[in-house]
Every structure is written in structure tokens, then in C-alpha cells.
Amino acid sequence: MNSHILAAVFAAVFMGTIGAISVYAGVSAETVTFYRLFIGAALMAAFLLLTGQRAKVFTWPGFKVLVTGAYLAGFVVFYVMAMNYTSMANAVMLLYLAPAAASIVAHFFMGERLSGLGAALIALALFGFAMMMEFNFNLSGRAEEAAGLFYALCAMLCYAAFILTNRLIHERVHVLTRSGYQMLAGALCMLPLMLMQDEAIQAGQWGWLAAAGVLPGFLAIMLAVVALKALPAATYGTLAYLEPITVIILGWLLFDQSLNLLQMSGGALIIVSGVVQAVWSQREAPPVPVRT
């Protein structure tokens, strides 16, 4: 399988761990987001320096990379905040309108023509995800529920902007450079907000914050940027639906949230749409050269 397809798959799986990690960490959304991005940026810098790629660290990444880092911070913090006010299902359902929205914007404004098959596969993934949510977008009418949905909508907009802006960054900026600087820029955006929380972090919580920096931080974001550099928005958007599947599986394993037949069928539809989209994109697109 194409290495960029695999990068998108693993990025989605690692991204899906942030919900469980934030629950176990037991700190504010701002704190989880800061350490997820800051530790990820530090690990990226260490990796590049230890592997003799010093030039990729000490370089100007460009304004677009820094802006995308701000979108990244917004996407993460709003998503975690949404889960504090509404159910994880409601938050992730709104969030994952972003890949479809990005594909439509790319179709009309970025020249990434969305074929009939591509549109059908996106619709299939959305339908499968609705099945996983049992076609029930629960809104209780409470003020805190409305706040949760507002934060989830903000996360969706930031995520769509993150996907699209990555497609506009010049190829001279190496994927490892851009991912490291995106995490650093996002962490700097979150720093004043985290300091305002004035939280006392306990010893046991540091382990979960470190995990946030490694899995949904360093590994997930680096792989997502690598994938977004080469894959069309429609392909990445479809494969990204593996993240909510990961969320559902972790909820089942860790929090005893069982899946019924309808939800399992929906998950199967998402996987099938992702596999078909990946295979089709490899047949249609020419090979993408990879810079070292």
C-alpha cells in the first residue's frame, strides 16, 4: 500500500486516542492541548537533530505553516472542550463533517476535482458514521449542551482549515519541518491560555500528558502532515473516518460503551469506503515523488 495512505491511516488511529487520554489526564482542555503540541514539537526537534537533519530545524517554515499551527491548536482545544459539555458522540459527529467540507472546498476552489465515485464514497462514510451514532444527534436543550455543540462546530471549522491550508504550503518546506513548527506554533498559541488555568498537575497526570504528546501529538500530527502533503483532500478525508472508529473502540474497551449491530455495520461502511477510496486514488493518480 502507498506509504502516504498508511500515514493517513495511522494518523487517524493515533488521533483517536486523545479523548481517552484527556479523560484519564483529568486536567483542562488548554493544558492537554498545550502539552500535546509542545511535547510533540520537542520530540520532532530531537528526532531531526539526532538523525543529522539540523537544517530542517533551523529554518524559516513560512507564514502559512504558522497559521496552520494556530488552526491545529484550535481544532484540538475546541474538541476537548466540546467533550466537557456534550457527549463524545455529539462532539465527534460534528467534528467529522470537516473532511467532507474540506473536500467540497477543494473541489470548487483548489482544482481537486471530486469525481462521482469520490462524492459517493464521502456520502457513504457519512452515512456509516450516522449509523454508528444510531441516527441520533442528541440535543437536550440545556445551555451546556448548546455550548458543547458550539465548541464542536469551532473544532470542525479549524480542522477543515488545517486540512486545506496544508495543501497550500510550498513543497520547499519539508514535511517534518512543517509538522514540527505547526505543533510549536499551536503550543505557543495555547501557552497563555494554559497559564491562565493555574492548575496544579499531580504526579500521575504527567504520564498521561506525556502520552498525549507522543501518540496524538508527535506521531499523529507528523503522519497527518506527511499524508496531507501528497493525498487529495477527498482521499485523506475519507481515511480520516478511522479516527471516530478508534474513539468508539476505545470507548468500548476502556469505558464499557457497547456497540450494537447498527453501529458495527456503520463502522464497516466507513472502513469499506476508506479502502475503496485509497485503492481508487492509487489507480488514478501518478506516483508522488518523496523528498528525503
C-alpha atoms as a PDB file:
ATOM      1  CA  MET A   1       0.000   0.000   0.000  1.00  0.00           C
ATOM      2  CA  ASN A   2       1.116   3.571  -0.716  1.00  0.00           C
ATOM      3  CA  SER A   3       3.148   4.975   2.195  1.00  0.00           C
ATOM      4  CA  HIS A   4       1.033   8.150   2.287  1.00  0.00           C
ATOM      5  CA  ILE A   5      -2.125   6.066   2.628  1.00  0.00           C
ATOM      6  CA  LEU A   6      -0.570   4.207   5.567  1.00  0.00           C
ATOM      7  CA  ALA A   7       0.480   7.519   7.112  1.00  0.00           C
ATOM      8  CA  ALA A   8      -3.130   8.746   6.943  1.00  0.00           C
ATOM      9  CA  VAL A   9      -4.423   5.509   8.492  1.00  0.00           C
ATOM     10  CA  PHE A  10      -2.035   5.565  11.442  1.00  0.00           C
ATOM     11  CA  ALA A  11      -2.528   9.318  11.908  1.00  0.00           C
ATOM     12  CA  ALA A  12      -6.273   8.765  12.250  1.00  0.00           C
ATOM     13  CA  VAL A  13      -5.812   5.915  14.758  1.00  0.00           C
ATOM     14  CA  PHE A  14      -3.358   7.874  16.900  1.00  0.00           C
ATOM     15  CA  MET A  15      -5.568  10.988  16.729  1.00  0.00           C
ATOM     16  CA  GLY A  16      -8.426   8.904  18.102  1.00  0.00           C
ATOM     17  CA  THR A  17      -6.603   8.343  21.395  1.00  0.00           C
ATOM     18  CA  ILE A  18      -6.862  11.973  22.556  1.00  0.00           C
ATOM     19  CA  GLY A  19     -10.364  11.591  24.015  1.00  0.00           C
ATOM     20  CA  ALA A  20      -9.424   8.694  26.289  1.00  0.00           C
ATOM     21  CA  ILE A  21      -6.113  10.313  27.261  1.00  0.00           C
ATOM     22  CA  SER A  22      -7.799  13.605  28.168  1.00  0.00           C
ATOM     23  CA  VAL A  23     -10.304  11.764  30.364  1.00  0.00           C
ATOM     24  CA  TYR A  24      -7.544   9.947  32.255  1.00  0.00           C
ATOM     25  CA  ALA A  25      -5.365  13.077  32.493  1.00  0.00           C
ATOM     26  CA  GLY A  26      -8.111  14.950  34.344  1.00  0.00           C
ATOM     27  CA  VAL A  27      -6.841  18.440  33.506  1.00  0.00           C
ATOM     28  CA  SER A  28      -8.242  21.322  31.468  1.00  0.00           C
ATOM     29  CA  ALA A  29      -8.550  21.242  27.694  1.00  0.00           C
ATOM     30  CA  GLU A  30      -5.999  24.056  27.445  1.00  0.00           C
ATOM     31  CA  THR A  31      -3.436  22.096  29.461  1.00  0.00           C
ATOM     32  CA  VAL A  32      -3.926  18.862  27.499  1.00  0.00           C
ATOM     33  CA  THR A  33      -3.640  20.739  24.214  1.00  0.00           C
ATOM     34  CA  PHE A  34      -0.507  22.640  25.213  1.00  0.00           C
ATOM     35  CA  TYR A  35       1.413  19.564  26.332  1.00  0.00           C
ATOM     36  CA  ARG A  36       0.190  17.506  23.389  1.00  0.00           C
ATOM     37  CA  LEU A  37       1.618  20.075  20.980  1.00  0.00           C
ATOM     38  CA  PHE A  38       4.672  21.211  22.962  1.00  0.00           C
ATOM     39  CA  ILE A  39       5.932  17.695  23.696  1.00  0.00           C
ATOM     40  CA  GLY A  40       5.242  16.741  20.080  1.00  0.00           C
ATOM     41  CA  ALA A  41       7.287  19.703  18.820  1.00  0.00           C
ATOM     42  CA  ALA A  42      10.148  18.902  21.214  1.00  0.00           C
ATOM     43  CA  LEU A  43      10.201  15.264  20.098  1.00  0.00           C
ATOM     44  CA  MET A  44      10.251  16.315  16.445  1.00  0.00           C
ATOM     45  CA  ALA A  45      13.188  18.674  17.056  1.00  0.00           C
ATOM     46  CA  ALA A  46      15.060  15.963  18.967  1.00  0.00           C
ATOM     47  CA  PHE A  47      14.423  13.417  16.209  1.00  0.00           C
ATOM     48  CA  LEU A  48      15.735  15.755  13.496  1.00  0.00           C
ATOM     49  CA  LEU A  49      18.811  16.764  15.485  1.00  0.00           C
ATOM     50  CA  LEU A  50      19.702  13.186  16.456  1.00  0.00           C
ATOM     51  CA  THR A  51      19.360  11.997  12.856  1.00  0.00           C
ATOM     52  CA  GLY A  52      21.622  14.712  11.475  1.00  0.00           C
ATOM     53  CA  GLN A  53      18.832  16.805   9.924  1.00  0.00           C
ATOM     54  CA  ARG A  54      19.764  20.031  11.693  1.00  0.00           C
ATOM     55  CA  ALA A  55      18.884  22.196   8.675  1.00  0.00           C
ATOM     56  CA  LYS A  56      15.250  21.111   8.905  1.00  0.00           C
ATOM     57  CA  VAL A  57      15.067  22.556  12.438  1.00  0.00           C
ATOM     58  CA  PHE A  58      16.865  25.860  11.952  1.00  0.00           C
ATOM     59  CA  THR A  59      14.898  27.198   9.009  1.00  0.00           C
ATOM     60  CA  TRP A  60      12.051  29.628   8.442  1.00  0.00           C
ATOM     61  CA  PRO A  61       8.952  27.487   7.772  1.00  0.00           C
ATOM     62  CA  GLY A  62       6.844  30.267   6.267  1.00  0.00           C
ATOM     63  CA  PHE A  63       3.791  32.148   7.444  1.00  0.00           C
ATOM     64  CA  LYS A  64       1.313  29.536   6.196  1.00  0.00           C
ATOM     65  CA  VAL A  65       2.885  26.874   8.419  1.00  0.00           C
ATOM     66  CA  LEU A  66       2.471  29.069  11.490  1.00  0.00           C
ATOM     67  CA  VAL A  67      -1.148  29.875  10.616  1.00  0.00           C
ATOM     68  CA  THR A  68      -1.846  26.163  10.188  1.00  0.00           C
ATOM     69  CA  GLY A  69      -0.366  25.610  13.653  1.00  0.00           C
ATOM     70  CA  ALA A  70      -2.964  28.002  15.055  1.00  0.00           C
ATOM     71  CA  TYR A  71      -5.703  26.029  13.280  1.00  0.00           C
ATOM     72  CA  LEU A  72      -4.252  22.869  14.798  1.00  0.00           C
ATOM     73  CA  ALA A  73      -4.386  24.316  18.311  1.00  0.00           C
ATOM     74  CA  GLY A  74      -7.976  25.455  17.779  1.00  0.00           C
ATOM     75  CA  PHE A  75      -9.039  22.079  16.436  1.00  0.00           C
ATOM     76  CA  VAL A  76      -7.593  20.215  19.433  1.00  0.00           C
ATOM     77  CA  VAL A  77      -8.700  22.532  22.240  1.00  0.00           C
ATOM     78  CA  PHE A  78     -12.229  23.059  20.936  1.00  0.00           C
ATOM     79  CA  TYR A  79     -12.687  19.302  20.504  1.00  0.00           C
ATOM     80  CA  VAL A  80     -11.576  18.571  24.073  1.00  0.00           C
ATOM     81  CA  MET A  81     -13.733  21.428  25.389  1.00  0.00           C
ATOM     82  CA  ALA A  82     -16.746  20.122  23.484  1.00  0.00           C
ATOM     83  CA  MET A  83     -16.444  16.761  25.229  1.00  0.00           C
ATOM     84  CA  ASN A  84     -16.663  18.570  28.570  1.00  0.00           C
ATOM     85  CA  TYR A  85     -20.140  19.893  27.721  1.00  0.00           C
ATOM     86  CA  THR A  86     -21.718  17.342  25.401  1.00  0.00           C
ATOM     87  CA  SER A  87     -21.324  13.647  24.690  1.00  0.00           C
ATOM     88  CA  MET A  88     -18.258  12.363  22.844  1.00  0.00           C
ATOM     89  CA  ALA A  89     -20.612  11.088  20.140  1.00  0.00           C
ATOM     90  CA  ASN A  90     -22.107  14.543  19.527  1.00  0.00           C
ATOM     91  CA  ALA A  91     -18.684  16.213  19.516  1.00  0.00           C
ATOM     92  CA  VAL A  92     -17.040  13.780  17.128  1.00  0.00           C
ATOM     93  CA  MET A  93     -20.089  13.717  14.840  1.00  0.00           C
ATOM     94  CA  LEU A  94     -19.879  17.474  14.268  1.00  0.00           C
ATOM     95  CA  LEU A  95     -16.079  17.402  14.078  1.00  0.00           C
ATOM     96  CA  TYR A  96     -16.088  14.833  11.304  1.00  0.00           C
ATOM     97  CA  LEU A  97     -18.095  16.956   8.972  1.00  0.00           C
ATOM     98  CA  ALA A  98     -14.715  18.686   8.418  1.00  0.00           C
ATOM     99  CA  PRO A  99     -13.160  16.228   5.923  1.00  0.00           C
ATOM    100  CA  ALA A 100     -16.274  16.326   3.754  1.00  0.00           C
ATOM    101  CA  ALA A 101     -16.371  20.125   3.968  1.00  0.00           C
ATOM    102  CA  ALA A 102     -12.670  20.282   3.041  1.00  0.00           C
ATOM    103  CA  SER A 103     -13.235  18.019   0.022  1.00  0.00           C
ATOM    104  CA  ILE A 104     -16.052  20.244  -1.234  1.00  0.00           C
ATOM    105  CA  VAL A 105     -13.993  23.432  -0.794  1.00  0.00           C
ATOM    106  CA  ALA A 106     -11.023  21.781  -2.544  1.00  0.00           C
ATOM    107  CA  HIS A 107     -13.327  20.782  -5.412  1.00  0.00           C
ATOM    108  CA  PHE A 108     -14.582  24.316  -6.049  1.00  0.00           C
ATOM    109  CA  PHE A 109     -11.568  26.453  -5.112  1.00  0.00           C
ATOM    110  CA  MET A 110      -8.385  24.324  -5.289  1.00  0.00           C
ATOM    111  CA  GLY A 111      -8.800  22.385  -8.511  1.00  0.00           C
ATOM    112  CA  GLU A 112      -9.070  18.985  -6.801  1.00  0.00           C
ATOM    113  CA  ARG A 113     -11.953  17.694  -8.853  1.00  0.00           C
ATOM    114  CA  LEU A 114     -14.275  15.469  -6.870  1.00  0.00           C
ATOM    115  CA  SER A 115     -15.422  12.570  -9.045  1.00  0.00           C
ATOM    116  CA  GLY A 116     -18.816  10.938  -8.781  1.00  0.00           C
ATOM    117  CA  LEU A 117     -17.212   7.976  -7.045  1.00  0.00           C
ATOM    118  CA  GLY A 118     -15.384  10.256  -4.612  1.00  0.00           C
ATOM    119  CA  ALA A 119     -18.586  12.072  -3.712  1.00  0.00           C
ATOM    120  CA  ALA A 120     -20.417   8.764  -3.299  1.00  0.00           C
ATOM    121  CA  LEU A 121     -17.689   7.420  -1.007  1.00  0.00           C
ATOM    122  CA  ILE A 122     -17.805  10.547   1.172  1.00  0.00           C
ATOM    123  CA  ALA A 123     -21.585  10.207   1.382  1.00  0.00           C
ATOM    124  CA  LEU A 124     -21.182   6.519   2.263  1.00  0.00           C
ATOM    125  CA  ALA A 125     -18.713   7.334   5.037  1.00  0.00           C
ATOM    126  CA  LEU A 126     -21.053   9.995   6.437  1.00  0.00           C
ATOM    127  CA  PHE A 127     -23.975   7.580   6.305  1.00  0.00           C
ATOM    128  CA  GLY A 128     -21.919   4.904   8.042  1.00  0.00           C
ATOM    129  CA  PHE A 129     -20.934   7.361  10.719  1.00  0.00           C
ATOM    130  CA  ALA A 130     -24.586   8.325  11.210  1.00  0.00           C
ATOM    131  CA  MET A 131     -25.291   4.604  11.677  1.00  0.00           C
ATOM    132  CA  MET A 132     -22.563   4.446  14.329  1.00  0.00           C
ATOM    133  CA  MET A 133     -24.339   7.317  16.085  1.00  0.00           C
ATOM    134  CA  GLU A 134     -27.656   5.439  15.631  1.00  0.00           C
ATOM    135  CA  PHE A 135     -29.029   8.393  13.626  1.00  0.00           C
ATOM    136  CA  ASN A 136     -29.421  10.203  16.931  1.00  0.00           C
ATOM    137  CA  PHE A 137     -27.898  13.668  17.270  1.00  0.00           C
ATOM    138  CA  ASN A 138     -28.984  14.256  20.806  1.00  0.00           C
ATOM    139  CA  LEU A 139     -29.656  17.870  21.830  1.00  0.00           C
ATOM    140  CA  SER A 140     -31.185  18.149  25.250  1.00  0.00           C
ATOM    141  CA  GLY A 141     -31.884  21.887  25.031  1.00  0.00           C
ATOM    142  CA  ARG A 142     -29.703  22.699  28.035  1.00  0.00           C
ATOM    143  CA  ALA A 143     -27.308  25.622  27.881  1.00  0.00           C
ATOM    144  CA  GLU A 144     -24.279  23.389  28.467  1.00  0.00           C
ATOM    145  CA  GLU A 145     -25.363  21.142  25.591  1.00  0.00           C
ATOM    146  CA  ALA A 146     -25.554  24.135  23.257  1.00  0.00           C
ATOM    147  CA  ALA A 147     -22.103  25.233  24.418  1.00  0.00           C
ATOM    148  CA  GLY A 148     -20.712  21.773  23.650  1.00  0.00           C
ATOM    149  CA  LEU A 149     -22.130  21.836  20.132  1.00  0.00           C
ATOM    150  CA  PHE A 150     -20.743  25.343  19.571  1.00  0.00           C
ATOM    151  CA  TYR A 151     -17.248  24.200  20.593  1.00  0.00           C
ATOM    152  CA  ALA A 152     -17.576  21.134  18.346  1.00  0.00           C
ATOM    153  CA  LEU A 153     -18.546  23.388  15.428  1.00  0.00           C
ATOM    154  CA  CYS A 154     -15.480  25.551  16.086  1.00  0.00           C
ATOM    155  CA  ALA A 155     -13.326  22.413  16.140  1.00  0.00           C
ATOM    156  CA  MET A 156     -14.819  21.338  12.811  1.00  0.00           C
ATOM    157  CA  LEU A 157     -14.033  24.677  11.165  1.00  0.00           C
ATOM    158  CA  CYS A 158     -10.456  24.644  12.476  1.00  0.00           C
ATOM    159  CA  TYR A 159      -9.957  21.047  11.330  1.00  0.00           C
ATOM    160  CA  ALA A 160     -11.221  21.816   7.809  1.00  0.00           C
ATOM    161  CA  ALA A 161      -8.911  24.845   7.657  1.00  0.00           C
ATOM    162  CA  PHE A 162      -5.993  22.684   8.863  1.00  0.00           C
ATOM    163  CA  ILE A 163      -6.596  20.135   6.087  1.00  0.00           C
ATOM    164  CA  LEU A 164      -6.896  22.746   3.353  1.00  0.00           C
ATOM    165  CA  THR A 165      -4.045  25.023   4.426  1.00  0.00           C
ATOM    166  CA  ASN A 166      -1.627  22.105   4.479  1.00  0.00           C
ATOM    167  CA  ARG A 167      -2.382  21.623   0.789  1.00  0.00           C
ATOM    168  CA  LEU A 168      -1.244  25.223   0.095  1.00  0.00           C
ATOM    169  CA  ILE A 169       2.173  25.099   1.810  1.00  0.00           C
ATOM    170  CA  HIS A 170       5.119  25.264  -0.627  1.00  0.00           C
ATOM    171  CA  GLU A 171       6.940  21.999  -1.278  1.00  0.00           C
ATOM    172  CA  ARG A 172      10.248  23.556  -0.271  1.00  0.00           C
ATOM    173  CA  VAL A 173       9.115  23.206   3.358  1.00  0.00           C
ATOM    174  CA  HIS A 174       9.909  19.621   4.293  1.00  0.00           C
ATOM    175  CA  VAL A 175       7.045  17.686   5.871  1.00  0.00           C
ATOM    176  CA  LEU A 176       8.983  17.129   9.115  1.00  0.00           C
ATOM    177  CA  THR A 177       9.826  20.824   9.341  1.00  0.00           C
ATOM    178  CA  ARG A 178       6.245  21.875   8.803  1.00  0.00           C
ATOM    179  CA  SER A 179       4.794  19.386  11.293  1.00  0.00           C
ATOM    180  CA  GLY A 180       7.297  20.396  13.982  1.00  0.00           C
ATOM    181  CA  TYR A 181       6.682  24.105  13.514  1.00  0.00           C
ATOM    182  CA  GLN A 182       2.917  23.595  13.356  1.00  0.00           C
ATOM    183  CA  MET A 183       2.991  21.910  16.751  1.00  0.00           C
ATOM    184  CA  LEU A 184       5.288  24.617  18.146  1.00  0.00           C
ATOM    185  CA  ALA A 185       3.075  27.427  16.821  1.00  0.00           C
ATOM    186  CA  GLY A 186      -0.003  25.712  18.235  1.00  0.00           C
ATOM    187  CA  ALA A 187       1.671  25.258  21.619  1.00  0.00           C
ATOM    188  CA  LEU A 188       2.643  28.941  21.749  1.00  0.00           C
ATOM    189  CA  CYS A 189      -0.966  29.884  20.965  1.00  0.00           C
ATOM    190  CA  MET A 190      -2.119  27.726  23.895  1.00  0.00           C
ATOM    191  CA  LEU A 191       0.553  28.799  26.401  1.00  0.00           C
ATOM    192  CA  PRO A 192      -1.152  31.959  27.747  1.00  0.00           C
ATOM    193  CA  LEU A 193      -4.500  30.152  27.923  1.00  0.00           C
ATOM    194  CA  MET A 194      -2.921  27.281  29.847  1.00  0.00           C
ATOM    195  CA  LEU A 195      -1.171  29.635  32.288  1.00  0.00           C
ATOM    196  CA  MET A 196      -4.500  31.312  32.992  1.00  0.00           C
ATOM    197  CA  GLN A 197      -5.824  27.968  34.293  1.00  0.00           C
ATOM    198  CA  ASP A 198      -3.201  27.977  37.090  1.00  0.00           C
ATOM    199  CA  GLU A 199      -3.535  24.209  37.548  1.00  0.00           C
ATOM    200  CA  ALA A 200      -1.517  22.090  39.958  1.00  0.00           C
ATOM    201  CA  ILE A 201      -0.609  18.960  37.990  1.00  0.00           C
ATOM    202  CA  GLN A 202      -0.235  15.808  40.050  1.00  0.00           C
ATOM    203  CA  ALA A 203       2.487  13.203  39.504  1.00  0.00           C
ATOM    204  CA  GLY A 204       0.129  10.664  37.949  1.00  0.00           C
ATOM    205  CA  GLN A 205      -1.201  13.210  35.469  1.00  0.00           C
ATOM    206  CA  TRP A 206       2.221  13.878  33.945  1.00  0.00           C
ATOM    207  CA  GLY A 207       2.300  10.382  32.469  1.00  0.00           C
ATOM    208  CA  TRP A 208      -0.966  10.997  30.601  1.00  0.00           C
ATOM    209  CA  LEU A 209       0.224  14.399  29.392  1.00  0.00           C
ATOM    210  CA  ALA A 210       3.391  12.741  28.082  1.00  0.00           C
ATOM    211  CA  ALA A 211       1.242  10.137  26.321  1.00  0.00           C
ATOM    212  CA  ALA A 212      -0.763  12.970  24.743  1.00  0.00           C
ATOM    213  CA  GLY A 213       2.473  14.442  23.425  1.00  0.00           C
ATOM    214  CA  VAL A 214       3.687  11.157  21.920  1.00  0.00           C
ATOM    215  CA  LEU A 215       0.597   9.455  20.417  1.00  0.00           C
ATOM    216  CA  PRO A 216      -1.983  12.082  19.325  1.00  0.00           C
ATOM    217  CA  GLY A 217       0.808  14.669  19.363  1.00  0.00           C
ATOM    218  CA  PHE A 218       4.154  13.788  17.744  1.00  0.00           C
ATOM    219  CA  LEU A 219       3.189  10.621  15.876  1.00  0.00           C
ATOM    220  CA  ALA A 220      -0.346  11.533  14.787  1.00  0.00           C
ATOM    221  CA  ILE A 221       0.367  15.079  13.640  1.00  0.00           C
ATOM    222  CA  MET A 222       3.602  14.190  11.851  1.00  0.00           C
ATOM    223  CA  LEU A 223       1.879  11.370   9.953  1.00  0.00           C
ATOM    224  CA  ALA A 224      -1.137  13.570   9.158  1.00  0.00           C
ATOM    225  CA  VAL A 225       1.083  16.268   7.659  1.00  0.00           C
ATOM    226  CA  VAL A 226       3.037  13.680   5.654  1.00  0.00           C
ATOM    227  CA  ALA A 227      -0.239  12.311   4.270  1.00  0.00           C
ATOM    228  CA  LEU A 228      -1.779  15.728   3.566  1.00  0.00           C
ATOM    229  CA  LYS A 229       1.288  16.752   1.556  1.00  0.00           C
ATOM    230  CA  ALA A 230       0.586  14.068  -1.048  1.00  0.00           C
ATOM    231  CA  LEU A 231      -3.029  12.915  -0.811  1.00  0.00           C
ATOM    232  CA  PRO A 232      -6.045  14.739  -2.275  1.00  0.00           C
ATOM    233  CA  ALA A 233      -8.397  16.186   0.324  1.00  0.00           C
ATOM    234  CA  ALA A 234     -11.098  13.661  -0.611  1.00  0.00           C
ATOM    235  CA  THR A 235      -8.777  10.689  -0.032  1.00  0.00           C
ATOM    236  CA  TYR A 236      -7.465  11.972   3.280  1.00  0.00           C
ATOM    237  CA  GLY A 237     -10.949  12.989   4.350  1.00  0.00           C
ATOM    238  CA  THR A 238     -12.326   9.500   3.805  1.00  0.00           C
ATOM    239  CA  LEU A 239      -9.434   7.761   5.570  1.00  0.00           C
ATOM    240  CA  ALA A 240      -9.755  10.196   8.481  1.00  0.00           C
ATOM    241  CA  TYR A 241     -13.011   8.477   9.442  1.00  0.00           C
ATOM    242  CA  LEU A 242     -10.871   5.770  11.010  1.00  0.00           C
ATOM    243  CA  GLU A 243     -10.422   8.182  13.926  1.00  0.00           C
ATOM    244  CA  PRO A 244     -14.044   8.031  15.155  1.00  0.00           C
ATOM    245  CA  ILE A 245     -13.896   4.248  14.770  1.00  0.00           C
ATOM    246  CA  THR A 246     -10.872   4.322  17.088  1.00  0.00           C
ATOM    247  CA  VAL A 247     -12.824   6.523  19.509  1.00  0.00           C
ATOM    248  CA  ILE A 248     -15.731   4.047  19.539  1.00  0.00           C
ATOM    249  CA  ILE A 249     -13.439   1.050  20.043  1.00  0.00           C
ATOM    250  CA  LEU A 250     -11.576   2.723  22.914  1.00  0.00           C
ATOM    251  CA  GLY A 251     -14.890   3.683  24.499  1.00  0.00           C
ATOM    252  CA  TRP A 252     -15.948   0.040  24.285  1.00  0.00           C
ATOM    253  CA  LEU A 253     -12.684  -1.351  25.681  1.00  0.00           C
ATOM    254  CA  LEU A 254     -11.941   1.277  28.333  1.00  0.00           C
ATOM    255  CA  PHE A 255     -15.310   2.719  29.341  1.00  0.00           C
ATOM    256  CA  ASP A 256     -17.631  -0.239  28.740  1.00  0.00           C
ATOM    257  CA  GLN A 257     -19.557   1.506  25.969  1.00  0.00           C
ATOM    258  CA  SER A 258     -21.003  -1.390  23.965  1.00  0.00           C
ATOM    259  CA  LEU A 259     -21.648  -1.424  20.200  1.00  0.00           C
ATOM    260  CA  ASN A 260     -24.869  -2.750  18.726  1.00  0.00           C
ATOM    261  CA  LEU A 261     -25.364  -4.270  15.274  1.00  0.00           C
ATOM    262  CA  LEU A 262     -26.297  -0.926  13.674  1.00  0.00           C
ATOM    263  CA  GLN A 263     -23.126   0.728  14.986  1.00  0.00           C
ATOM    264  CA  MET A 264     -20.903  -2.147  13.879  1.00  0.00           C
ATOM    265  CA  SER A 265     -22.488  -2.046  10.409  1.00  0.00           C
ATOM    266  CA  GLY A 266     -21.805   1.683  10.215  1.00  0.00           C
ATOM    267  CA  GLY A 267     -18.175   1.133  11.141  1.00  0.00           C
ATOM    268  CA  ALA A 268     -17.898  -1.474   8.386  1.00  0.00           C
ATOM    269  CA  LEU A 269     -19.266   1.025   5.845  1.00  0.00           C
ATOM    270  CA  ILE A 270     -16.649   3.591   6.882  1.00  0.00           C
ATOM    271  CA  ILE A 271     -13.818   1.098   6.521  1.00  0.00           C
ATOM    272  CA  VAL A 272     -15.063  -0.086   3.111  1.00  0.00           C
ATOM    273  CA  SER A 273     -15.373   3.486   1.820  1.00  0.00           C
ATOM    274  CA  GLY A 274     -11.855   4.275   3.025  1.00  0.00           C
ATOM    275  CA  VAL A 275     -10.327   1.192   1.399  1.00  0.00           C
ATOM    276  CA  VAL A 276     -12.106   1.805  -1.927  1.00  0.00           C
ATOM    277  CA  GLN A 277     -11.071   5.474  -1.921  1.00  0.00           C
ATOM    278  CA  ALA A 278      -7.446   4.539  -1.185  1.00  0.00           C
ATOM    279  CA  VAL A 279      -7.281   1.904  -3.931  1.00  0.00           C
ATOM    280  CA  TRP A 280      -9.005   4.154  -6.472  1.00  0.00           C
ATOM    281  CA  SER A 281      -6.717   7.114  -5.729  1.00  0.00           C
ATOM    282  CA  GLN A 282      -3.638   4.953  -6.342  1.00  0.00           C
ATOM    283  CA  ARG A 283      -5.012   3.831  -9.701  1.00  0.00           C
ATOM    284  CA  GLU A 284      -5.959   7.337 -10.832  1.00  0.00           C
ATOM    285  CA  ALA A 285      -3.072   9.448  -9.548  1.00  0.00           C
ATOM    286  CA  PRO A 286       0.536   9.364 -10.789  1.00  0.00           C
ATOM    287  CA  PRO A 287       3.234   8.385  -8.281  1.00  0.00           C
ATOM    288  CA  VAL A 288       4.224  11.211  -5.949  1.00  0.00           C
ATOM    289  CA  PRO A 289       7.985  11.737  -5.588  1.00  0.00           C
ATOM    290  CA  VAL A 290       9.147  11.804  -1.989  1.00  0.00           C
ATOM    291  CA  ARG A 291      11.960  14.147  -0.951  1.00  0.00           C
ATOM    292  CA  THR A 292      14.488  12.938   1.574  1.00  0.00           C
END
